[in-house]
């Protein structure tokens, strides 16, 4: 096309006949329009290539971040699964202690483990390197899928913070202020073996206040367990969304 307009320009300026001079203006106008069109087409092609390159770079960055997010979330999922198992075990120990307090059985050494499990807490620490990297470098809007972007915000900005708040409330408001003072007043604690036994086996069975504290501890732990299970489902669903997005890329 460039050669076509170059030859056309040469013919226009080489024709010196009267008829040629008369039509020179209209021919030159045609040539000028053609060159303008050619320049515009060239610019559009260049912009298209540039936009394609930018889109490709953004997509590659998005894929990289999604893989990092998935890696972080898989670690979190393993941590949450441990929290579920750990908390379930502590609930069982608390219930065994309640059965001992309410029953006629004498104290057995096997109960030391369960008394030692009455006051044990967890601290969920999420892996946030990927989400922080996104926010710092590109911003969350680099994730183009709207549903996935909302799920990320819900998980990191609400669910994770909620879990850490519930853990903190359980530990500081209940364990430090109520549970542990009750245990210190009624149990002999072995911190090396993480076992404990009643100071007075007869008195502790008659201590309704102590029983109420253990009963409340079961309630707190069951609530915490329900939140861990909800968190597990939330993170599992988010991982699935990420995998679907990676497959569609």
Protein backbone atom coordinates (compact mmCIF):
# COMPACT_ATOMS: atom_id res chain seq x y z
CA UNK A 1 0.00 0.00 0.00
CA UNK A 2 2.90 2.33 0.72
CA UNK A 3 4.33 1.64 -2.76
CA UNK A 4 0.92 2.37 -4.30
CA UNK A 5 0.73 5.87 -2.76
CA UNK A 6 4.38 6.57 -3.58
CA UNK A 7 3.83 5.76 -7.30
CA UNK A 8 0.62 7.79 -7.27
CA UNK A 9 2.49 10.83 -5.92
CA UNK A 10 5.17 10.48 -8.60
CA UNK A 11 2.58 10.40 -11.39
CA UNK A 12 0.83 13.46 -9.95
CA UNK A 13 3.95 15.64 -9.90
CA UNK A 14 5.39 14.37 -13.22
CA UNK A 15 2.28 15.18 -15.28
CA UNK A 16 2.79 18.79 -16.58
CA UNK A 17 0.07 18.83 -19.24
CA UNK A 18 -2.75 21.38 -18.91
CA UNK A 19 -5.17 18.61 -18.14
CA UNK A 20 -2.69 17.19 -15.68
CA UNK A 21 -2.25 20.51 -13.95
CA UNK A 22 -6.02 21.00 -13.81
CA UNK A 23 -6.56 17.65 -12.15
CA UNK A 24 -3.44 17.82 -10.02
CA UNK A 25 -5.26 19.31 -7.03
CA UNK A 26 -7.94 16.64 -6.93
CA UNK A 27 -5.38 13.88 -7.42
CA UNK A 28 -3.17 15.28 -4.70
CA UNK A 29 -6.16 15.48 -2.38
CA UNK A 30 -6.82 11.80 -3.06
CA UNK A 31 -3.19 11.02 -2.35
CA UNK A 32 -3.21 13.06 0.87
CA UNK A 33 -6.35 11.33 2.09
CA UNK A 34 -4.79 7.97 1.28
CA UNK A 35 -1.66 8.76 3.24
CA UNK A 36 -3.73 9.95 6.19
CA UNK A 37 -5.72 6.71 6.08
CA UNK A 38 -2.48 4.74 5.91
CA UNK A 39 -1.04 6.60 8.91
CA UNK A 40 -4.25 6.07 10.89
CA UNK A 41 -4.24 2.36 10.06
CA UNK A 42 -0.61 2.13 11.16
CA UNK A 43 -1.38 3.89 14.44
CA UNK A 44 -4.36 1.62 15.08
CA UNK A 45 -2.29 -1.48 14.40
CA UNK A 46 0.46 -0.24 16.74
CA UNK A 47 -2.09 0.54 19.46
CA UNK A 48 -3.69 -2.86 19.00
CA UNK A 49 -0.35 -4.61 19.37
CA UNK A 50 0.51 -2.49 22.40
CA UNK A 51 -2.87 -3.21 24.03
CA UNK A 52 -2.44 -6.91 23.33
CA UNK A 53 0.99 -6.88 24.94
CA UNK A 54 -0.34 -5.04 27.99
CA UNK A 55 -3.27 -7.47 28.30
CA UNK A 56 -0.89 -10.41 28.03
CA UNK A 57 1.37 -8.98 30.75
CA UNK A 58 -1.60 -8.35 33.06
CA UNK A 59 -2.91 -11.87 32.47
CA UNK A 60 0.50 -13.36 33.22
CA UNK A 61 0.69 -11.29 36.42
CA UNK A 62 -2.83 -12.37 37.41
CA UNK A 63 -1.95 -16.03 36.86
CA UNK A 64 1.22 -15.64 38.94
CA UNK A 65 -0.73 -14.08 41.81
CA UNK A 66 -3.46 -16.72 41.63
CA UNK A 67 -0.88 -19.49 41.93
CA UNK A 68 0.67 -17.74 44.94
CA UNK A 69 -2.75 -17.26 46.52
CA UNK A 70 -3.56 -20.93 46.05
CA UNK A 71 -0.27 -21.91 47.67
CA UNK A 72 -0.96 -19.65 50.68
CA UNK A 73 -4.53 -20.88 51.02
CA UNK A 74 -3.52 -24.55 50.93
CA UNK A 75 -1.22 -23.91 53.89
CA UNK A 76 -4.06 -22.09 55.67
CA UNK A 77 -6.41 -24.99 54.93
CA UNK A 78 -4.00 -27.44 56.54
CA UNK A 79 -3.72 -25.15 59.56
CA UNK A 80 -7.51 -24.86 59.85
CA UNK A 81 -7.89 -28.62 59.57
CA UNK A 82 -5.46 -28.99 62.47
CA UNK A 83 -7.50 -26.46 64.47
CA UNK A 84 -10.66 -28.50 63.87
CA UNK A 85 -8.99 -31.72 65.01
CA UNK A 86 -7.28 -30.02 67.96
CA UNK A 87 -10.43 -28.28 69.19
CA UNK A 88 -12.54 -31.44 68.79
CA UNK A 89 -10.04 -33.27 70.98
CA UNK A 90 -10.23 -30.56 73.66
CA UNK A 91 -14.03 -30.65 73.65
CA UNK A 92 -13.90 -34.40 74.19
CA UNK A 93 -11.53 -33.95 77.15
CA UNK A 94 -13.80 -31.32 78.71
CA UNK A 95 -16.80 -33.61 78.34
CA UNK A 96 -14.91 -36.51 79.95
CA UNK A 97 -14.05 -34.25 82.90
CA UNK A 98 -17.72 -33.25 83.22
CA UNK A 99 -18.72 -36.92 83.24
CA UNK A 100 -16.19 -37.50 86.02
CA UNK A 101 -17.52 -34.56 88.03
CA UNK A 102 -21.13 -35.72 87.65
CA UNK A 103 -20.48 -39.43 88.15
CA UNK A 104 -19.48 -41.77 90.95
CA UNK A 105 -16.17 -42.96 89.47
CA UNK A 106 -12.95 -42.50 91.40
CA UNK A 107 -10.06 -40.58 89.91
CA UNK A 108 -7.86 -42.56 87.50
CA UNK A 109 -4.47 -41.57 86.08
CA UNK A 110 -5.98 -41.65 82.58
CA UNK A 111 -7.95 -38.54 83.58
CA UNK A 112 -4.77 -36.48 84.05
CA UNK A 113 -4.48 -35.97 80.30
CA UNK A 114 -8.07 -34.72 80.05
CA UNK A 115 -7.72 -32.35 83.02
CA UNK A 116 -4.55 -31.04 81.37
CA UNK A 117 -6.49 -30.37 78.17
CA UNK A 118 -8.99 -28.05 79.85
CA UNK A 119 -7.00 -24.90 79.11
CA UNK A 120 -5.29 -25.05 75.74
CA UNK A 121 -5.76 -22.44 73.02
CA UNK A 122 -4.80 -21.88 69.39
CA UNK A 123 -3.73 -18.86 67.39
CA UNK A 124 -4.55 -18.86 63.68
CA UNK A 125 -1.85 -17.10 61.66
CA UNK A 126 -2.87 -16.82 58.00
CA UNK A 127 -0.43 -16.82 55.12
CA UNK A 128 -0.80 -13.32 53.65
CA UNK A 129 2.27 -12.84 51.44
CA UNK A 130 0.29 -13.32 48.21
CA UNK A 131 -2.66 -11.05 49.05
CA UNK A 132 -0.33 -8.37 50.43
CA UNK A 133 1.79 -8.60 47.29
CA UNK A 134 -1.29 -8.05 45.13
CA UNK A 135 -2.43 -5.04 47.15
CA UNK A 136 1.03 -3.49 47.16
CA UNK A 137 2.03 -4.08 43.53
CA UNK A 138 -1.08 -4.15 41.36
CA UNK A 139 -4.18 -3.78 43.50
CA UNK A 140 -6.96 -6.32 43.96
CA UNK A 141 -8.56 -5.25 40.67
CA UNK A 142 -5.90 -7.19 38.78
CA UNK A 143 -8.17 -10.16 39.54
CA UNK A 144 -10.68 -9.80 36.72
CA UNK A 145 -13.26 -12.35 37.90
CA UNK A 146 -15.72 -10.38 40.01
CA UNK A 147 -16.91 -13.40 42.03
CA UNK A 148 -13.34 -14.42 42.80
CA UNK A 149 -12.38 -10.89 43.79
CA UNK A 150 -15.34 -10.70 46.20
CA UNK A 151 -14.49 -14.11 47.65
CA UNK A 152 -10.91 -12.98 48.29
CA UNK A 153 -12.08 -9.84 50.06
CA UNK A 154 -14.56 -11.82 52.18
CA UNK A 155 -11.97 -14.41 53.19
CA UNK A 156 -9.11 -12.07 54.05
CA UNK A 157 -10.98 -8.97 55.21
CA UNK A 158 -13.76 -10.66 57.15
CA UNK A 159 -13.43 -14.40 57.78
CA UNK A 160 -9.78 -14.46 58.84
CA UNK A 161 -10.18 -11.40 61.04
CA UNK A 162 -13.34 -12.89 62.55
CA UNK A 163 -11.57 -16.14 63.46
CA UNK A 164 -8.67 -14.32 65.09
CA UNK A 165 -11.13 -12.14 67.02
CA UNK A 166 -13.06 -15.19 68.29
CA UNK A 167 -9.80 -16.87 69.36
CA UNK A 168 -8.71 -13.73 71.16
CA UNK A 169 -12.05 -13.37 72.94
CA UNK A 170 -11.94 -17.01 74.02
CA UNK A 171 -8.40 -16.75 75.33
CA UNK A 172 -8.39 -13.32 76.95
CA UNK A 173 -11.96 -12.84 78.13
CA UNK A 174 -12.75 -16.40 79.21
CA UNK A 175 -9.56 -18.40 79.69
CA UNK A 176 -7.40 -15.75 81.37
CA UNK A 177 -10.17 -14.21 83.47
CA UNK A 178 -12.33 -17.22 84.35
CA UNK A 179 -11.03 -20.65 83.32
CA UNK A 180 -7.39 -20.50 84.36
CA UNK A 181 -8.06 -18.99 87.81
CA UNK A 182 -10.55 -21.84 88.42
CA UNK A 183 -7.99 -24.42 87.30
CA UNK A 184 -5.22 -22.90 89.43
CA UNK A 185 -7.48 -22.98 92.50
CA UNK A 186 -8.65 -26.56 92.05
CA UNK A 187 -5.99 -28.51 90.16
CA UNK A 188 -2.37 -29.54 90.52
CA UNK A 189 -0.84 -28.63 87.16
CA UNK A 190 2.18 -30.33 85.60
CA UNK A 191 3.32 -27.95 82.88
CA UNK A 192 6.04 -30.30 81.64
CA UNK A 193 3.68 -33.17 80.84
CA UNK A 194 0.66 -30.93 80.22
CA UNK A 195 -1.29 -33.03 82.70
CA UNK A 196 -3.33 -32.09 85.77
CA UNK A 197 -5.31 -33.65 88.61
CA UNK A 198 -7.67 -32.35 91.29
CA UNK A 199 -6.17 -31.04 94.52
CA UNK A 200 -9.08 -32.69 96.36
CA UNK A 201 -11.05 -35.33 94.45
CA UNK A 202 -14.02 -35.16 96.81
CA UNK A 203 -14.23 -31.39 97.02
CA UNK A 204 -14.00 -30.86 93.26
CA UNK A 205 -17.04 -33.09 92.65
CA UNK A 206 -19.04 -30.91 95.01
CA UNK A 207 -17.78 -27.65 93.54
CA UNK A 208 -20.67 -26.44 91.37
CA UNK A 209 -18.82 -23.26 90.44
CA UNK A 210 -15.94 -25.27 88.97
CA UNK A 211 -18.37 -27.47 87.07
CA UNK A 212 -20.10 -24.40 85.61
CA UNK A 213 -16.76 -23.06 84.38
CA UNK A 214 -15.96 -26.35 82.60
CA UNK A 215 -19.45 -26.41 81.11
CA UNK A 216 -18.93 -22.87 79.79
CA UNK A 217 -15.57 -23.95 78.38
CA UNK A 218 -17.33 -26.67 76.38
CA UNK A 219 -19.72 -24.05 74.97
CA UNK A 220 -16.86 -21.72 73.99
CA UNK A 221 -14.92 -24.54 72.35
CA UNK A 222 -17.98 -25.79 70.43
CA UNK A 223 -18.63 -22.30 69.11
CA UNK A 224 -14.98 -21.96 68.11
CA UNK A 225 -15.16 -25.35 66.38
CA UNK A 226 -18.21 -24.25 64.38
CA UNK A 227 -16.30 -21.17 63.20
CA UNK A 228 -13.28 -23.26 62.20
CA UNK A 229 -15.55 -25.51 60.13
CA UNK A 230 -17.14 -22.49 58.47
CA UNK A 231 -13.69 -21.09 57.78
CA UNK A 232 -12.60 -24.42 56.28
CA UNK A 233 -15.52 -24.38 53.84
CA UNK A 234 -14.89 -20.73 52.93
CA UNK A 235 -11.23 -21.37 52.13
CA UNK A 236 -11.99 -24.62 50.27
CA UNK A 237 -14.54 -22.82 48.09
CA UNK A 238 -12.06 -20.02 47.42
CA UNK A 239 -9.38 -22.49 46.34
CA UNK A 240 -11.88 -24.07 43.95
CA UNK A 241 -12.68 -20.66 42.44
CA UNK A 242 -8.98 -20.02 41.91
CA UNK A 243 -8.49 -23.42 40.27
CA UNK A 244 -11.46 -22.78 37.96
CA UNK A 245 -10.01 -19.40 36.97
CA UNK A 246 -6.59 -20.90 36.28
CA UNK A 247 -8.12 -23.61 34.10
CA UNK A 248 -10.08 -21.00 32.13
CA UNK A 249 -6.98 -18.87 31.51
